[in-house]
C-alpha atoms as a PDB file:
ATOM      1  CA  MET A   1       2.629 -32.074 -24.934  1.00  0.00           C
ATOM      2  CA  SER A   2      -0.004 -30.309 -22.881  1.00  0.00           C
ATOM      3  CA  SER A   3      -1.577 -32.260 -20.073  1.00  0.00           C
ATOM      4  CA  GLU A   4      -4.619 -31.431 -17.931  1.00  0.00           C
ATOM      5  CA  SER A   5      -2.563 -31.781 -14.768  1.00  0.00           C
ATOM      6  CA  ASN A   6       0.073 -29.296 -15.936  1.00  0.00           C
ATOM      7  CA  VAL A   7       0.018 -25.623 -15.041  1.00  0.00           C
ATOM      8  CA  LYS A   8       0.763 -22.962 -17.653  1.00  0.00           C
ATOM      9  CA  LEU A   9       2.426 -19.848 -16.317  1.00  0.00           C
ATOM     10  CA  THR A  10       3.012 -16.669 -18.310  1.00  0.00           C
ATOM     11  CA  ILE A  11       5.587 -14.383 -16.719  1.00  0.00           C
ATOM     12  CA  ALA A  12       5.760 -10.763 -17.869  1.00  0.00           C
ATOM     13  CA  LEU A  13       8.688  -8.751 -16.516  1.00  0.00           C
ATOM     14  CA  SER A  14       8.354  -5.012 -16.494  1.00  0.00           C
ATOM     15  CA  ASN A  15      11.355  -2.797 -15.930  1.00  0.00           C
ATOM     16  CA  PRO A  16      10.886   0.754 -17.256  1.00  0.00           C
ATOM     17  CA  SER A  17      14.528   1.584 -16.509  1.00  0.00           C
ATOM     18  CA  LEU A  18      15.751  -0.978 -19.076  1.00  0.00           C
ATOM     19  CA  ASP A  19      15.638  -0.515 -22.827  1.00  0.00           C
ATOM     20  CA  ALA A  20      14.152  -3.296 -24.968  1.00  0.00           C
ATOM     21  CA  GLU A  21      17.534  -4.931 -25.588  1.00  0.00           C
ATOM     22  CA  ASP A  22      18.468  -5.121 -21.882  1.00  0.00           C
ATOM     23  CA  GLN A  23      14.992  -6.330 -20.979  1.00  0.00           C
ATOM     24  CA  GLU A  24      15.310  -9.018 -23.667  1.00  0.00           C
ATOM     25  CA  ARG A  25      18.662 -10.110 -22.200  1.00  0.00           C
ATOM     26  CA  GLU A  26      17.186 -10.260 -18.688  1.00  0.00           C
ATOM     27  CA  THR A  27      14.228 -12.314 -19.949  1.00  0.00           C
ATOM     28  CA  ARG A  28      16.496 -14.759 -21.797  1.00  0.00           C
ATOM     29  CA  ASN A  29      18.613 -15.203 -18.650  1.00  0.00           C
ATOM     30  CA  LEU A  30      15.483 -15.978 -16.637  1.00  0.00           C
ATOM     31  CA  LEU A  31      14.321 -18.380 -19.355  1.00  0.00           C
ATOM     32  CA  ARG A  32      17.651 -20.226 -19.216  1.00  0.00           C
ATOM     33  CA  GLU A  33      17.407 -20.519 -15.433  1.00  0.00           C
ATOM     34  CA  ILE A  34      13.798 -21.757 -15.565  1.00  0.00           C
ATOM     35  CA  ARG A  35      14.779 -24.402 -18.139  1.00  0.00           C
ATOM     36  CA  ASP A  36      17.298 -25.713 -15.588  1.00  0.00           C
ATOM     37  CA  LEU A  37      14.400 -26.356 -13.210  1.00  0.00           C
ATOM     38  CA  ASP A  38      12.135 -29.343 -13.700  1.00  0.00           C
ATOM     39  CA  VAL A  39       9.620 -27.821 -16.147  1.00  0.00           C
ATOM     40  CA  GLU A  40       7.802 -29.402 -19.091  1.00  0.00           C
ATOM     41  CA  SER A  41       8.553 -26.448 -21.338  1.00  0.00           C
ATOM     42  CA  ALA A  42       9.740 -22.841 -21.182  1.00  0.00           C
ATOM     43  CA  GLU A  43       9.651 -20.512 -24.175  1.00  0.00           C
ATOM     44  CA  LEU A  44       9.650 -16.869 -25.167  1.00  0.00           C
ATOM     45  CA  VAL A  45       6.218 -15.725 -26.340  1.00  0.00           C
ATOM     46  CA  PRO A  46       6.017 -15.187 -30.113  1.00  0.00           C
ATOM     47  CA  VAL A  47       4.741 -11.876 -31.420  1.00  0.00           C
ATOM     48  CA  THR A  48       1.579 -13.487 -32.829  1.00  0.00           C
ATOM     49  CA  GLU A  49       0.123 -13.223 -29.326  1.00  0.00           C
ATOM     50  CA  ILE A  50       0.905  -9.518 -28.796  1.00  0.00           C
ATOM     51  CA  PRO A  51      -1.049  -7.882 -26.001  1.00  0.00           C
ATOM     52  CA  LYS A  52      -1.929  -4.214 -26.521  1.00  0.00           C
ATOM     53  CA  GLY A  53       1.006  -1.920 -25.785  1.00  0.00           C
ATOM     54  CA  ALA A  54       3.667  -4.665 -25.679  1.00  0.00           C
ATOM     55  CA  MET A  55       7.042  -4.256 -27.373  1.00  0.00           C
ATOM     56  CA  SER A  56       8.642  -6.956 -29.481  1.00  0.00           C
ATOM     57  CA  VAL A  57      12.229  -7.733 -30.450  1.00  0.00           C
ATOM     58  CA  GLY A  58      13.212 -10.340 -33.003  1.00  0.00           C
ATOM     59  CA  GLY A  59       9.732 -11.811 -33.274  1.00  0.00           C
ATOM     60  CA  PHE A  60       9.217 -12.290 -29.530  1.00  0.00           C
ATOM     61  CA  LEU A  61       7.485 -10.178 -26.896  1.00  0.00           C
ATOM     62  CA  VAL A  62       9.927  -8.237 -24.746  1.00  0.00           C
ATOM     63  CA  GLY A  63      10.000  -9.415 -21.162  1.00  0.00           C
ATOM     64  CA  VAL A  64       7.432 -12.184 -21.590  1.00  0.00           C
ATOM     65  CA  LEU A  65       7.957 -15.904 -21.303  1.00  0.00           C
ATOM     66  CA  GLN A  66       5.703 -18.886 -20.915  1.00  0.00           C
ATOM     67  CA  THR A  67       6.378 -22.084 -19.042  1.00  0.00           C
ATOM     68  CA  GLU A  68       4.462 -25.269 -18.456  1.00  0.00           C
ATOM     69  CA  VAL A  69       5.117 -27.246 -15.315  1.00  0.00           C
ATOM     70  CA  SER A  70       3.623 -30.270 -13.578  1.00  0.00           C
ATOM     71  CA  LEU A  71       1.485 -29.650 -10.499  1.00  0.00           C
ATOM     72  CA  ALA A  72       4.189 -31.354  -8.433  1.00  0.00           C
ATOM     73  CA  ASN A  73       6.823 -28.829  -9.541  1.00  0.00           C
ATOM     74  CA  PHE A  74       4.586 -25.750  -9.628  1.00  0.00           C
ATOM     75  CA  LYS A  75       5.344 -24.826  -6.014  1.00  0.00           C
ATOM     76  CA  LYS A  76       9.080 -25.207  -6.606  1.00  0.00           C
ATOM     77  CA  LEU A  77       8.896 -22.934  -9.669  1.00  0.00           C
ATOM     78  CA  LEU A  78       6.912 -20.311  -7.732  1.00  0.00           C
ATOM     79  CA  GLY A  79       9.446 -20.465  -4.889  1.00  0.00           C
ATOM     80  CA  TYR A  80      12.254 -19.882  -7.364  1.00  0.00           C
ATOM     81  CA  LEU A  81      10.405 -16.963  -8.979  1.00  0.00           C
ATOM     82  CA  GLY A  82       9.798 -15.451  -5.527  1.00  0.00           C
ATOM     83  CA  ASP A  83      13.537 -15.537  -4.795  1.00  0.00           C
ATOM     84  CA  ARG A  84      14.590 -14.396  -8.249  1.00  0.00           C
ATOM     85  CA  LEU A  85      11.967 -11.714  -8.992  1.00  0.00           C
ATOM     86  CA  GLY A  86      11.182 -10.325  -5.549  1.00  0.00           C
ATOM     87  CA  ASN A  87      12.374  -6.803  -6.363  1.00  0.00           C
ATOM     88  CA  LYS A  88      10.965  -6.548  -9.894  1.00  0.00           C
ATOM     89  CA  THR A  89       7.566  -5.640 -11.309  1.00  0.00           C
ATOM     90  CA  VAL A  90       6.120  -8.855 -12.619  1.00  0.00           C
ATOM     91  CA  GLU A  91       2.783 -10.033 -13.931  1.00  0.00           C
ATOM     92  CA  LEU A  92       1.909 -13.714 -13.634  1.00  0.00           C
ATOM     93  CA  GLU A  93      -0.873 -15.449 -15.478  1.00  0.00           C
ATOM     94  CA  VAL A  94      -1.600 -18.922 -14.182  1.00  0.00           C
ATOM     95  CA  GLU A  95      -3.720 -21.314 -16.221  1.00  0.00           C
ATOM     96  CA  ALA A  96      -4.865 -24.724 -15.002  1.00  0.00           C
ATOM     97  CA  ASN A  97      -7.872 -26.907 -15.781  1.00  0.00           C
ATOM     98  CA  GLY A  98      -9.307 -24.288 -18.121  1.00  0.00           C
ATOM     99  CA  LYS A  99      -9.232 -21.487 -15.501  1.00  0.00           C
ATOM    100  CA  LYS A 100      -6.981 -18.430 -15.500  1.00  0.00           C
ATOM    101  CA  LEU A 101      -5.686 -16.225 -12.720  1.00  0.00           C
ATOM    102  CA  LYS A 102      -3.772 -13.004 -13.369  1.00  0.00           C
ATOM    103  CA  VAL A 103      -1.755 -11.350 -10.602  1.00  0.00           C
ATOM    104  CA  LYS A 104       0.643  -8.404 -10.636  1.00  0.00           C
ATOM    105  CA  ALA A 105       3.354  -7.608  -8.126  1.00  0.00           C
ATOM    106  CA  SER A 106       5.966  -4.877  -7.810  1.00  0.00           C
ATOM    107  CA  SER A 107       7.602  -5.724  -4.485  1.00  0.00           C
ATOM    108  CA  ARG A 108       8.777  -8.816  -2.614  1.00  0.00           C
ATOM    109  CA  GLU A 109       5.688  -8.667  -0.341  1.00  0.00           C
ATOM    110  CA  GLU A 110       3.272  -8.301  -3.271  1.00  0.00           C
ATOM    111  CA  LEU A 111       4.999 -11.138  -5.110  1.00  0.00           C
ATOM    112  CA  ARG A 112       4.792 -13.366  -2.033  1.00  0.00           C
ATOM    113  CA  ALA A 113       1.052 -12.613  -1.782  1.00  0.00           C
ATOM    114  CA  ALA A 114       0.602 -13.221  -5.528  1.00  0.00           C
ATOM    115  CA  ILE A 115       2.422 -16.560  -5.277  1.00  0.00           C
ATOM    116  CA  GLU A 116       0.235 -17.587  -2.333  1.00  0.00           C
ATOM    117  CA  GLU A 117      -2.844 -16.634  -4.347  1.00  0.00           C
ATOM    118  CA  ALA A 118      -1.579 -18.691  -7.308  1.00  0.00           C
ATOM    119  CA  GLN A 119      -0.949 -21.710  -5.072  1.00  0.00           C
ATOM    120  CA  LYS A 120      -4.445 -21.471  -3.564  1.00  0.00           C
ATOM    121  CA  PHE A 121      -5.898 -21.080  -7.074  1.00  0.00           C
ATOM    122  CA  ILE A 122      -4.154 -24.260  -8.244  1.00  0.00           C
ATOM    123  CA  ALA A 123      -5.015 -26.169  -5.055  1.00  0.00           C
ATOM    124  CA  GLY A 124      -8.660 -25.214  -5.545  1.00  0.00           C
ATOM    125  CA  ASN A 125      -8.770 -26.857  -8.978  1.00  0.00           C
END
C-alpha cells in the first residue's frame, strides 16, 4: 500500500566485473538484507520497466531493486546502504511526494554525499 509519507527508493547496482548471474545473486542478497530492515516493501524490478541498455534475467532487471520505506526509517535504510554499498557503483533514485531525485556514486565518499543529498531532498519535502 503506497502512502504519501513513504519514500520509494530504486537501487541500481553496477558491477562490470560480474556477469549477469553473479550480479543477480548479489542483488538478491541485498534484497534479502533490506527485507530484514523495517521497510514497507522491497522487490526486484520487473522487466516491464526496462531502462535503455539494462540487462534482464528471469523477468527481472539485473542489479535493480525497489524498496518503499517510511520517512522514519528512510535514514536507517540509507545508513545501511552506505555501509553495505560504499565500495560499489550504485545509482539511487529517490521518490517522495511526487518529486524524484537521481544520484550516482562509485566510491564511499560519493555515496556518502549522495545519501546526504537524498536526506536533504526528503527533508525539504
